[in-house]
N, C-alpha and C. Protein backbone atom coordinates (compact mmCIF):
# COMPACT_ATOMS: atom_id res chain seq x y z
N MET A 1 36.03 -8.89 -27.48
CA MET A 1 35.48 -8.09 -28.56
C MET A 1 34.37 -7.20 -28.01
N ALA A 2 34.39 -5.93 -28.42
CA ALA A 2 33.39 -4.98 -27.93
C ALA A 2 32.02 -5.30 -28.49
N LYS A 3 31.00 -5.12 -27.64
CA LYS A 3 29.63 -5.37 -28.06
C LYS A 3 29.05 -4.13 -28.71
N THR A 4 28.04 -4.35 -29.57
CA THR A 4 27.36 -3.22 -30.17
C THR A 4 26.39 -2.63 -29.15
N LEU A 5 25.84 -1.47 -29.50
CA LEU A 5 24.88 -0.83 -28.61
C LEU A 5 23.65 -1.72 -28.39
N ALA A 6 23.18 -2.36 -29.45
CA ALA A 6 22.02 -3.25 -29.34
C ALA A 6 22.34 -4.45 -28.45
N GLN A 7 23.55 -4.99 -28.56
CA GLN A 7 23.94 -6.13 -27.72
C GLN A 7 24.03 -5.73 -26.25
N GLU A 8 24.50 -4.49 -25.99
CA GLU A 8 24.55 -4.01 -24.60
C GLU A 8 23.15 -3.91 -24.01
N PHE A 9 22.18 -3.52 -24.84
CA PHE A 9 20.80 -3.41 -24.36
C PHE A 9 20.17 -4.79 -24.17
N THR A 10 20.30 -5.65 -25.17
CA THR A 10 19.58 -6.94 -25.12
C THR A 10 20.18 -7.95 -24.15
N LYS A 11 21.42 -7.76 -23.72
CA LYS A 11 22.01 -8.73 -22.78
C LYS A 11 21.22 -8.77 -21.46
N GLY A 12 20.61 -7.63 -21.09
CA GLY A 12 19.84 -7.58 -19.84
C GLY A 12 18.49 -8.26 -19.93
N LEU A 13 18.06 -8.61 -21.15
CA LEU A 13 16.75 -9.22 -21.32
C LEU A 13 16.78 -10.74 -21.20
N TRP A 14 17.96 -11.37 -21.38
CA TRP A 14 18.04 -12.82 -21.22
C TRP A 14 19.40 -13.25 -20.66
N GLU A 15 20.48 -12.89 -21.35
CA GLU A 15 21.83 -13.35 -21.01
C GLU A 15 22.24 -12.94 -19.60
N GLU A 16 21.89 -11.72 -19.19
CA GLU A 16 22.27 -11.22 -17.86
C GLU A 16 21.05 -10.69 -17.11
N ILE A 17 19.89 -11.32 -17.27
CA ILE A 17 18.68 -10.84 -16.61
C ILE A 17 18.89 -10.96 -15.09
N PRO A 18 18.75 -9.83 -14.37
CA PRO A 18 19.27 -9.77 -13.00
C PRO A 18 18.82 -10.86 -12.01
N PRO A 19 17.53 -11.08 -11.74
CA PRO A 19 17.23 -12.06 -10.69
C PRO A 19 17.52 -13.49 -11.10
N PHE A 20 17.45 -13.79 -12.40
CA PHE A 20 17.56 -15.18 -12.83
C PHE A 20 18.94 -15.59 -13.31
N ARG A 21 19.71 -14.69 -13.90
CA ARG A 21 21.04 -15.04 -14.39
C ARG A 21 22.13 -14.53 -13.45
N LEU A 22 22.00 -13.25 -13.04
CA LEU A 22 23.02 -12.68 -12.16
C LEU A 22 22.73 -12.99 -10.70
N VAL A 23 21.48 -13.40 -10.40
CA VAL A 23 21.01 -13.67 -9.04
C VAL A 23 21.33 -12.47 -8.13
N LEU A 24 20.98 -11.30 -8.63
CA LEU A 24 21.14 -10.05 -7.86
C LEU A 24 19.77 -9.40 -7.66
N GLY A 25 19.67 -8.55 -6.65
CA GLY A 25 18.42 -7.83 -6.39
C GLY A 25 17.32 -8.73 -5.88
N LEU A 26 17.69 -9.74 -5.11
CA LEU A 26 16.68 -10.71 -4.67
C LEU A 26 15.78 -10.18 -3.55
N CYS A 27 16.24 -9.23 -2.73
CA CYS A 27 15.38 -8.72 -1.65
C CYS A 27 14.11 -8.09 -2.19
N PRO A 28 14.19 -7.10 -3.12
CA PRO A 28 12.94 -6.56 -3.65
C PRO A 28 12.20 -7.58 -4.50
N THR A 29 12.95 -8.47 -5.17
CA THR A 29 12.30 -9.48 -6.01
C THR A 29 11.37 -10.35 -5.18
N LEU A 30 11.82 -10.75 -4.02
CA LEU A 30 11.02 -11.63 -3.17
C LEU A 30 9.98 -10.85 -2.36
N ALA A 31 10.31 -9.63 -1.96
CA ALA A 31 9.46 -8.91 -1.02
C ALA A 31 8.27 -8.20 -1.66
N VAL A 32 8.45 -7.64 -2.85
CA VAL A 32 7.38 -6.78 -3.39
C VAL A 32 6.57 -7.43 -4.50
N THR A 33 6.83 -8.69 -4.83
CA THR A 33 6.14 -9.29 -5.97
C THR A 33 4.90 -10.07 -5.57
N LYS A 34 4.17 -9.54 -4.60
CA LYS A 34 2.90 -10.18 -4.25
C LYS A 34 1.85 -9.91 -5.33
N SER A 35 2.08 -8.89 -6.15
CA SER A 35 1.15 -8.58 -7.23
C SER A 35 1.93 -8.07 -8.44
N VAL A 36 1.30 -8.12 -9.60
CA VAL A 36 1.92 -7.62 -10.84
C VAL A 36 2.21 -6.13 -10.71
N GLN A 37 1.26 -5.38 -10.18
CA GLN A 37 1.41 -3.93 -10.07
C GLN A 37 2.64 -3.57 -9.24
N ASN A 38 2.81 -4.23 -8.11
CA ASN A 38 3.97 -3.95 -7.26
C ASN A 38 5.28 -4.31 -7.98
N GLY A 39 5.30 -5.46 -8.65
CA GLY A 39 6.50 -5.89 -9.35
C GLY A 39 6.91 -4.92 -10.45
N ILE A 40 5.95 -4.52 -11.26
CA ILE A 40 6.26 -3.60 -12.36
C ILE A 40 6.63 -2.22 -11.81
N GLY A 41 5.93 -1.79 -10.76
CA GLY A 41 6.26 -0.49 -10.16
C GLY A 41 7.68 -0.45 -9.62
N MET A 42 8.08 -1.50 -8.92
CA MET A 42 9.46 -1.56 -8.41
C MET A 42 10.46 -1.64 -9.55
N GLY A 43 10.11 -2.38 -10.59
CA GLY A 43 11.01 -2.49 -11.74
C GLY A 43 11.21 -1.16 -12.45
N ILE A 44 10.14 -0.40 -12.62
CA ILE A 44 10.25 0.90 -13.29
C ILE A 44 11.08 1.87 -12.43
N ALA A 45 10.84 1.85 -11.13
CA ALA A 45 11.62 2.74 -10.24
C ALA A 45 13.11 2.39 -10.30
N THR A 46 13.42 1.09 -10.29
CA THR A 46 14.82 0.66 -10.35
C THR A 46 15.43 0.99 -11.71
N THR A 47 14.65 0.85 -12.78
CA THR A 47 15.14 1.19 -14.12
C THR A 47 15.50 2.68 -14.21
N PHE A 48 14.64 3.53 -13.66
CA PHE A 48 14.92 4.96 -13.64
C PHE A 48 16.26 5.24 -12.97
N VAL A 49 16.46 4.64 -11.80
CA VAL A 49 17.71 4.86 -11.05
C VAL A 49 18.90 4.29 -11.83
N LEU A 50 18.74 3.10 -12.41
CA LEU A 50 19.82 2.48 -13.17
C LEU A 50 20.26 3.35 -14.34
N VAL A 51 19.31 3.81 -15.12
CA VAL A 51 19.65 4.58 -16.33
C VAL A 51 20.35 5.88 -15.96
N PHE A 52 19.79 6.63 -15.03
CA PHE A 52 20.36 7.95 -14.74
C PHE A 52 21.64 7.85 -13.91
N SER A 53 21.74 6.88 -13.03
CA SER A 53 23.00 6.74 -12.29
C SER A 53 24.11 6.23 -13.21
N ASN A 54 23.79 5.32 -14.13
CA ASN A 54 24.78 4.87 -15.11
C ASN A 54 25.27 6.04 -15.96
N LEU A 55 24.33 6.88 -16.40
CA LEU A 55 24.70 8.03 -17.22
C LEU A 55 25.64 8.97 -16.47
N LEU A 56 25.28 9.32 -15.24
CA LEU A 56 26.10 10.28 -14.49
C LEU A 56 27.46 9.69 -14.11
N VAL A 57 27.47 8.42 -13.72
CA VAL A 57 28.76 7.77 -13.39
C VAL A 57 29.66 7.75 -14.62
N SER A 58 29.08 7.45 -15.78
CA SER A 58 29.88 7.42 -17.01
C SER A 58 30.41 8.80 -17.36
N LEU A 59 29.57 9.83 -17.21
CA LEU A 59 30.01 11.20 -17.52
C LEU A 59 31.13 11.66 -16.58
N LEU A 60 31.09 11.21 -15.32
CA LEU A 60 32.05 11.68 -14.32
C LEU A 60 33.20 10.69 -14.10
N ARG A 61 33.29 9.63 -14.90
CA ARG A 61 34.26 8.56 -14.64
C ARG A 61 35.72 9.03 -14.65
N ASP A 62 36.00 10.08 -15.41
CA ASP A 62 37.39 10.55 -15.47
C ASP A 62 37.73 11.54 -14.36
N VAL A 63 36.75 12.05 -13.65
CA VAL A 63 37.04 13.03 -12.59
C VAL A 63 36.83 12.46 -11.18
N ILE A 64 36.22 11.29 -11.07
CA ILE A 64 36.03 10.67 -9.75
C ILE A 64 37.31 9.93 -9.37
N PRO A 65 37.95 10.29 -8.23
CA PRO A 65 39.17 9.57 -7.81
C PRO A 65 38.85 8.09 -7.53
N SER A 66 39.73 7.21 -7.96
CA SER A 66 39.44 5.77 -7.86
C SER A 66 39.31 5.28 -6.41
N LYS A 67 40.03 5.94 -5.48
CA LYS A 67 39.98 5.48 -4.08
C LYS A 67 38.64 5.75 -3.41
N ILE A 68 37.90 6.73 -3.90
CA ILE A 68 36.60 7.05 -3.28
C ILE A 68 35.45 6.85 -4.27
N ARG A 69 35.69 6.04 -5.30
CA ARG A 69 34.67 5.89 -6.35
C ARG A 69 33.39 5.25 -5.83
N ILE A 70 33.48 4.26 -4.95
CA ILE A 70 32.27 3.58 -4.47
C ILE A 70 31.40 4.56 -3.68
N ALA A 71 32.02 5.36 -2.82
CA ALA A 71 31.24 6.36 -2.07
C ALA A 71 30.57 7.35 -3.01
N CYS A 72 31.31 7.77 -4.05
CA CYS A 72 30.72 8.69 -5.04
C CYS A 72 29.56 8.02 -5.78
N PHE A 73 29.72 6.76 -6.15
CA PHE A 73 28.63 6.05 -6.84
C PHE A 73 27.40 5.98 -5.95
N ILE A 74 27.59 5.70 -4.67
CA ILE A 74 26.44 5.58 -3.76
C ILE A 74 25.74 6.93 -3.62
N ILE A 75 26.50 8.02 -3.58
CA ILE A 75 25.88 9.35 -3.50
C ILE A 75 25.05 9.63 -4.76
N ILE A 76 25.61 9.29 -5.91
CA ILE A 76 24.87 9.47 -7.17
C ILE A 76 23.60 8.64 -7.17
N ILE A 77 23.72 7.38 -6.79
CA ILE A 77 22.55 6.48 -6.77
C ILE A 77 21.51 7.00 -5.77
N ALA A 78 21.95 7.42 -4.59
CA ALA A 78 21.02 7.92 -3.57
C ALA A 78 20.28 9.17 -4.06
N THR A 79 20.96 9.98 -4.84
CA THR A 79 20.31 11.18 -5.40
C THR A 79 19.15 10.78 -6.29
N PHE A 80 19.37 9.82 -7.18
CA PHE A 80 18.30 9.41 -8.08
C PHE A 80 17.22 8.60 -7.37
N VAL A 81 17.57 7.90 -6.32
CA VAL A 81 16.54 7.21 -5.53
C VAL A 81 15.63 8.25 -4.86
N THR A 82 16.22 9.32 -4.36
CA THR A 82 15.41 10.39 -3.76
C THR A 82 14.48 11.01 -4.79
N VAL A 83 15.00 11.21 -6.01
CA VAL A 83 14.17 11.78 -7.09
C VAL A 83 12.99 10.85 -7.39
N VAL A 84 13.27 9.55 -7.54
CA VAL A 84 12.19 8.62 -7.88
C VAL A 84 11.20 8.50 -6.73
N GLU A 85 11.68 8.57 -5.50
CA GLU A 85 10.79 8.51 -4.34
C GLU A 85 9.85 9.72 -4.32
N LEU A 86 10.39 10.91 -4.58
CA LEU A 86 9.55 12.12 -4.61
C LEU A 86 8.57 12.08 -5.78
N LEU A 87 9.00 11.58 -6.93
CA LEU A 87 8.09 11.45 -8.08
C LEU A 87 6.95 10.49 -7.78
N MET A 88 7.28 9.37 -7.12
CA MET A 88 6.22 8.41 -6.78
C MET A 88 5.26 8.99 -5.76
N GLN A 89 5.76 9.76 -4.82
CA GLN A 89 4.87 10.40 -3.84
C GLN A 89 3.93 11.38 -4.53
N ALA A 90 4.43 12.06 -5.58
CA ALA A 90 3.62 13.06 -6.27
C ALA A 90 2.65 12.44 -7.27
N PHE A 91 3.07 11.39 -7.99
CA PHE A 91 2.26 10.91 -9.11
C PHE A 91 1.72 9.48 -8.95
N ALA A 92 2.24 8.70 -8.01
CA ALA A 92 1.78 7.31 -7.84
C ALA A 92 1.75 7.00 -6.35
N TYR A 93 1.01 7.81 -5.61
CA TYR A 93 1.04 7.68 -4.15
C TYR A 93 0.56 6.31 -3.63
N PRO A 94 -0.54 5.74 -4.17
CA PRO A 94 -0.95 4.40 -3.67
C PRO A 94 0.15 3.35 -3.87
N LEU A 95 0.83 3.39 -5.04
CA LEU A 95 1.93 2.45 -5.28
C LEU A 95 3.10 2.72 -4.34
N TYR A 96 3.37 4.00 -4.11
CA TYR A 96 4.43 4.37 -3.16
C TYR A 96 4.14 3.77 -1.78
N LEU A 97 2.88 3.82 -1.35
CA LEU A 97 2.52 3.25 -0.05
C LEU A 97 2.67 1.73 -0.06
N GLN A 98 2.33 1.09 -1.19
CA GLN A 98 2.46 -0.37 -1.29
C GLN A 98 3.93 -0.81 -1.21
N LEU A 99 4.81 -0.08 -1.89
CA LEU A 99 6.23 -0.49 -1.94
C LEU A 99 6.99 -0.10 -0.69
N GLY A 100 6.54 0.96 -0.02
CA GLY A 100 7.08 1.35 1.28
C GLY A 100 8.58 1.49 1.34
N ILE A 101 9.19 0.80 2.28
CA ILE A 101 10.61 0.93 2.57
C ILE A 101 11.48 0.45 1.42
N PHE A 102 10.92 -0.35 0.51
CA PHE A 102 11.75 -0.91 -0.57
C PHE A 102 12.14 0.13 -1.62
N ILE A 103 11.46 1.28 -1.67
CA ILE A 103 11.90 2.34 -2.59
C ILE A 103 13.23 2.94 -2.10
N PRO A 104 13.34 3.41 -0.85
CA PRO A 104 14.65 3.92 -0.41
C PRO A 104 15.75 2.86 -0.45
N LEU A 105 15.38 1.61 -0.30
CA LEU A 105 16.39 0.53 -0.30
C LEU A 105 16.97 0.25 -1.69
N ILE A 106 16.46 0.91 -2.73
CA ILE A 106 17.09 0.78 -4.05
C ILE A 106 18.55 1.23 -3.98
N VAL A 107 18.84 2.13 -3.05
CA VAL A 107 20.23 2.62 -2.88
C VAL A 107 21.20 1.46 -2.67
N VAL A 108 20.78 0.45 -1.94
CA VAL A 108 21.69 -0.66 -1.63
C VAL A 108 21.42 -1.88 -2.51
N ASN A 109 20.65 -1.70 -3.57
CA ASN A 109 20.40 -2.80 -4.49
C ASN A 109 21.70 -3.13 -5.22
N CYS A 110 22.10 -4.38 -5.16
CA CYS A 110 23.37 -4.82 -5.77
C CYS A 110 23.40 -4.57 -7.27
N ILE A 111 22.26 -4.63 -7.92
CA ILE A 111 22.23 -4.44 -9.37
C ILE A 111 22.72 -3.04 -9.73
N VAL A 112 22.20 -2.03 -9.03
CA VAL A 112 22.50 -0.64 -9.38
C VAL A 112 23.97 -0.33 -9.13
N LEU A 113 24.46 -0.65 -7.94
CA LEU A 113 25.87 -0.39 -7.64
C LEU A 113 26.79 -1.25 -8.51
N GLY A 114 26.39 -2.48 -8.76
CA GLY A 114 27.19 -3.38 -9.59
C GLY A 114 27.34 -2.87 -11.02
N ARG A 115 26.25 -2.35 -11.59
CA ARG A 115 26.33 -1.83 -12.96
C ARG A 115 27.16 -0.56 -13.00
N SER A 116 27.09 0.26 -11.95
CA SER A 116 27.91 1.48 -11.91
C SER A 116 29.39 1.12 -11.89
N GLU A 117 29.74 0.17 -11.01
CA GLU A 117 31.14 -0.21 -10.86
C GLU A 117 31.66 -1.03 -12.04
N ALA A 118 30.89 -2.01 -12.46
CA ALA A 118 31.39 -2.94 -13.47
C ALA A 118 31.25 -2.42 -14.89
N PHE A 119 30.30 -1.54 -15.14
CA PHE A 119 30.09 -1.13 -16.53
C PHE A 119 30.18 0.38 -16.75
N ALA A 120 29.35 1.15 -16.05
CA ALA A 120 29.25 2.59 -16.35
C ALA A 120 30.56 3.32 -16.13
N SER A 121 31.32 2.90 -15.12
CA SER A 121 32.58 3.60 -14.82
C SER A 121 33.68 3.29 -15.84
N LYS A 122 33.40 2.38 -16.78
CA LYS A 122 34.42 1.98 -17.76
C LYS A 122 33.99 2.20 -19.20
N ASN A 123 32.77 2.75 -19.40
CA ASN A 123 32.26 2.88 -20.76
C ASN A 123 31.69 4.27 -21.02
N LYS A 124 31.49 4.56 -22.31
CA LYS A 124 30.95 5.85 -22.72
C LYS A 124 29.48 5.96 -22.32
N PRO A 125 28.97 7.22 -22.20
CA PRO A 125 27.59 7.42 -21.70
C PRO A 125 26.52 6.68 -22.49
N VAL A 126 26.61 6.67 -23.81
CA VAL A 126 25.53 6.03 -24.57
C VAL A 126 25.49 4.52 -24.31
N TYR A 127 26.65 3.90 -24.12
CA TYR A 127 26.68 2.47 -23.79
C TYR A 127 26.19 2.24 -22.34
N ALA A 128 26.52 3.17 -21.46
CA ALA A 128 26.06 3.06 -20.08
C ALA A 128 24.54 3.16 -19.99
N ILE A 129 23.95 4.04 -20.81
CA ILE A 129 22.49 4.15 -20.84
C ILE A 129 21.88 2.86 -21.38
N ALA A 130 22.43 2.32 -22.47
CA ALA A 130 21.91 1.07 -23.04
C ALA A 130 22.00 -0.07 -22.03
N ASP A 131 23.10 -0.14 -21.30
CA ASP A 131 23.26 -1.18 -20.28
C ASP A 131 22.23 -1.01 -19.17
N GLY A 132 22.08 0.20 -18.66
CA GLY A 132 21.13 0.45 -17.58
C GLY A 132 19.70 0.19 -18.01
N LEU A 133 19.36 0.60 -19.23
CA LEU A 133 18.00 0.39 -19.73
C LEU A 133 17.72 -1.09 -19.94
N GLY A 134 18.67 -1.82 -20.53
CA GLY A 134 18.47 -3.25 -20.76
C GLY A 134 18.34 -4.03 -19.47
N ILE A 135 19.24 -3.77 -18.53
CA ILE A 135 19.18 -4.47 -17.23
C ILE A 135 17.88 -4.08 -16.50
N GLY A 136 17.50 -2.80 -16.58
CA GLY A 136 16.28 -2.35 -15.91
C GLY A 136 15.02 -2.97 -16.50
N VAL A 137 14.96 -3.04 -17.83
CA VAL A 137 13.79 -3.66 -18.47
C VAL A 137 13.74 -5.16 -18.12
N GLY A 138 14.89 -5.82 -18.15
CA GLY A 138 14.93 -7.23 -17.76
C GLY A 138 14.49 -7.44 -16.32
N PHE A 139 14.92 -6.54 -15.43
CA PHE A 139 14.52 -6.63 -14.02
C PHE A 139 13.00 -6.40 -13.88
N THR A 140 12.47 -5.43 -14.64
CA THR A 140 11.04 -5.14 -14.59
C THR A 140 10.22 -6.33 -15.09
N LEU A 141 10.65 -6.92 -16.21
CA LEU A 141 9.94 -8.10 -16.73
C LEU A 141 9.98 -9.25 -15.74
N SER A 142 11.14 -9.45 -15.11
CA SER A 142 11.27 -10.54 -14.12
C SER A 142 10.31 -10.35 -12.96
N LEU A 143 10.28 -9.13 -12.43
CA LEU A 143 9.39 -8.86 -11.30
C LEU A 143 7.93 -8.95 -11.72
N GLY A 144 7.62 -8.53 -12.95
CA GLY A 144 6.25 -8.62 -13.45
C GLY A 144 5.79 -10.06 -13.58
N VAL A 145 6.66 -10.92 -14.13
CA VAL A 145 6.30 -12.34 -14.29
C VAL A 145 6.14 -13.01 -12.93
N LEU A 146 7.09 -12.76 -12.05
CA LEU A 146 7.02 -13.34 -10.71
C LEU A 146 5.76 -12.86 -9.98
N GLY A 147 5.47 -11.56 -10.10
CA GLY A 147 4.27 -11.01 -9.46
C GLY A 147 3.00 -11.59 -10.06
N ALA A 148 2.99 -11.82 -11.38
CA ALA A 148 1.80 -12.38 -12.04
C ALA A 148 1.53 -13.80 -11.54
N VAL A 149 2.57 -14.61 -11.49
CA VAL A 149 2.38 -16.01 -11.04
C VAL A 149 1.89 -16.04 -9.60
N ARG A 150 2.53 -15.23 -8.75
CA ARG A 150 2.14 -15.23 -7.33
C ARG A 150 0.73 -14.67 -7.14
N GLU A 151 0.38 -13.62 -7.87
CA GLU A 151 -0.95 -13.02 -7.70
C GLU A 151 -2.05 -13.94 -8.23
N VAL A 152 -1.82 -14.56 -9.39
CA VAL A 152 -2.85 -15.43 -9.96
C VAL A 152 -3.08 -16.64 -9.06
N LEU A 153 -2.00 -17.28 -8.61
CA LEU A 153 -2.17 -18.47 -7.77
C LEU A 153 -2.56 -18.12 -6.34
N GLY A 154 -2.03 -17.03 -5.83
CA GLY A 154 -2.27 -16.70 -4.42
C GLY A 154 -3.53 -15.91 -4.14
N GLU A 155 -3.98 -15.13 -5.12
CA GLU A 155 -5.18 -14.31 -4.91
C GLU A 155 -6.30 -14.64 -5.91
N GLY A 156 -5.94 -15.31 -6.99
CA GLY A 156 -6.93 -15.59 -8.04
C GLY A 156 -7.23 -14.37 -8.88
N THR A 157 -6.34 -13.37 -8.87
CA THR A 157 -6.54 -12.16 -9.66
C THR A 157 -5.31 -11.89 -10.51
N PHE A 158 -5.49 -11.04 -11.54
CA PHE A 158 -4.37 -10.55 -12.33
C PHE A 158 -4.55 -9.05 -12.47
N TYR A 159 -3.62 -8.30 -11.96
CA TYR A 159 -3.68 -6.84 -11.93
C TYR A 159 -4.98 -6.36 -11.29
N GLY A 160 -5.40 -7.09 -10.26
CA GLY A 160 -6.60 -6.73 -9.52
C GLY A 160 -7.90 -7.25 -10.10
N MET A 161 -7.85 -7.86 -11.30
CA MET A 161 -9.07 -8.38 -11.93
C MET A 161 -9.20 -9.87 -11.64
N GLN A 162 -10.44 -10.31 -11.34
CA GLN A 162 -10.69 -11.71 -11.02
C GLN A 162 -10.40 -12.59 -12.23
N VAL A 163 -9.63 -13.67 -12.03
CA VAL A 163 -9.26 -14.57 -13.11
C VAL A 163 -10.10 -15.84 -13.08
N PHE A 164 -10.33 -16.35 -11.88
CA PHE A 164 -11.07 -17.61 -11.74
C PHE A 164 -12.47 -17.33 -11.21
N GLY A 165 -13.31 -18.35 -11.26
CA GLY A 165 -14.68 -18.23 -10.76
C GLY A 165 -14.75 -18.15 -9.24
N SER A 166 -15.97 -18.02 -8.74
CA SER A 166 -16.15 -17.83 -7.29
C SER A 166 -15.77 -19.06 -6.49
N SER A 167 -15.69 -20.22 -7.14
CA SER A 167 -15.35 -21.45 -6.40
C SER A 167 -13.84 -21.62 -6.22
N PHE A 168 -13.04 -20.71 -6.77
CA PHE A 168 -11.57 -20.82 -6.66
C PHE A 168 -11.12 -20.60 -5.23
N GLU A 169 -10.31 -21.52 -4.75
CA GLU A 169 -9.71 -21.40 -3.42
C GLU A 169 -8.29 -20.86 -3.59
N PRO A 170 -8.01 -19.61 -3.19
CA PRO A 170 -6.65 -19.06 -3.37
C PRO A 170 -5.60 -19.89 -2.64
N PHE A 171 -4.47 -20.06 -3.29
CA PHE A 171 -3.33 -20.77 -2.73
C PHE A 171 -2.48 -19.72 -2.02
N THR A 172 -2.92 -19.30 -0.83
CA THR A 172 -2.34 -18.14 -0.15
C THR A 172 -0.86 -18.30 0.17
N PHE A 173 -0.36 -19.52 0.16
CA PHE A 173 1.06 -19.76 0.36
C PHE A 173 1.90 -18.96 -0.63
N MET A 174 1.39 -18.77 -1.84
CA MET A 174 2.17 -18.10 -2.90
C MET A 174 2.38 -16.62 -2.63
N VAL A 175 1.54 -15.96 -1.84
CA VAL A 175 1.76 -14.54 -1.56
C VAL A 175 2.49 -14.34 -0.24
N GLU A 176 2.90 -15.42 0.40
CA GLU A 176 3.73 -15.34 1.61
C GLU A 176 5.20 -15.48 1.21
N ALA A 177 6.09 -15.18 2.16
CA ALA A 177 7.53 -15.22 1.87
C ALA A 177 8.02 -16.57 1.34
N PRO A 178 7.62 -17.70 1.96
CA PRO A 178 8.09 -18.98 1.41
C PRO A 178 7.61 -19.21 -0.02
N GLY A 179 6.42 -18.74 -0.34
CA GLY A 179 5.90 -18.88 -1.70
C GLY A 179 6.75 -18.12 -2.70
N ALA A 180 7.30 -16.98 -2.27
CA ALA A 180 8.17 -16.21 -3.15
C ALA A 180 9.43 -17.01 -3.49
N PHE A 181 10.02 -17.67 -2.50
CA PHE A 181 11.21 -18.49 -2.75
C PHE A 181 10.88 -19.65 -3.68
N VAL A 182 9.76 -20.33 -3.44
CA VAL A 182 9.38 -21.47 -4.27
C VAL A 182 9.14 -21.01 -5.71
N CYS A 183 8.41 -19.92 -5.86
CA CYS A 183 8.11 -19.41 -7.20
C CYS A 183 9.38 -19.00 -7.93
N LEU A 184 10.28 -18.29 -7.23
CA LEU A 184 11.55 -17.88 -7.84
C LEU A 184 12.37 -19.11 -8.26
N GLY A 185 12.40 -20.12 -7.39
CA GLY A 185 13.14 -21.35 -7.70
C GLY A 185 12.57 -22.05 -8.93
N LEU A 186 11.23 -22.12 -9.03
CA LEU A 186 10.62 -22.76 -10.20
C LEU A 186 10.92 -21.99 -11.49
N LEU A 187 10.85 -20.66 -11.40
CA LEU A 187 11.16 -19.85 -12.59
C LEU A 187 12.63 -19.98 -12.98
N LEU A 188 13.52 -20.04 -11.98
CA LEU A 188 14.95 -20.28 -12.26
C LEU A 188 15.15 -21.61 -12.98
N CYS A 189 14.44 -22.63 -12.51
CA CYS A 189 14.51 -23.96 -13.12
C CYS A 189 14.05 -23.92 -14.57
N LEU A 190 12.92 -23.25 -14.82
CA LEU A 190 12.41 -23.14 -16.19
C LEU A 190 13.38 -22.39 -17.09
N MET A 191 13.98 -21.31 -16.57
CA MET A 191 14.94 -20.55 -17.38
C MET A 191 16.17 -21.39 -17.70
N ASN A 192 16.64 -22.16 -16.72
CA ASN A 192 17.80 -23.02 -16.98
C ASN A 192 17.48 -24.11 -17.99
N LEU A 193 16.26 -24.67 -17.90
CA LEU A 193 15.86 -25.66 -18.89
C LEU A 193 15.80 -25.06 -20.28
N ALA A 194 15.20 -23.87 -20.37
CA ALA A 194 15.10 -23.20 -21.68
C ALA A 194 16.48 -22.82 -22.20
N GLY A 195 17.37 -22.41 -21.31
CA GLY A 195 18.71 -22.00 -21.73
C GLY A 195 19.60 -23.15 -22.12
N SER A 196 19.30 -24.36 -21.62
CA SER A 196 20.16 -25.51 -21.92
C SER A 196 19.83 -26.14 -23.26
N ARG A 197 18.74 -25.73 -23.90
CA ARG A 197 18.36 -26.32 -25.21
C ARG A 197 19.05 -25.62 -26.36
């Protein structure tokens, strides 16, 4: 049965939330979530690429030959990644420096290519936009939550503001790579517990 426009949007917020349900996009999820700002910045950049690449793939779905569709999707995605990279250089340069190589790597993010192939290439533009926006917002929220937990425990700050008193000893393990895996695993566990009720 076909889903409504609202269902296509909201599925990305819980039912198909990328890092926790689809287990996709884990490289940027683990690498850039040392802080809330980095997590939300990466999420917004990925959302921009998701929405516009889904729209263009959907608009061109009848003219792209099926044998070369993946190459065409990657070209479309790379175009929007270049746009978002240039926009970040112009308007959010400190964040662009923080995210570094992970902005161009959105091109190979499984979420973006997966949504183009599995959804946008088979649905009308308005549904493709709703899908891209829902998945992007869910991805942004996931990275924001993961970044918040890691920043609060690992640095004792939230969005750069001090949370604990001067006697707080930061749990620096949480802002290192192993801490990212542990934090992601704990959040996955909590989501599964909440989903099983």
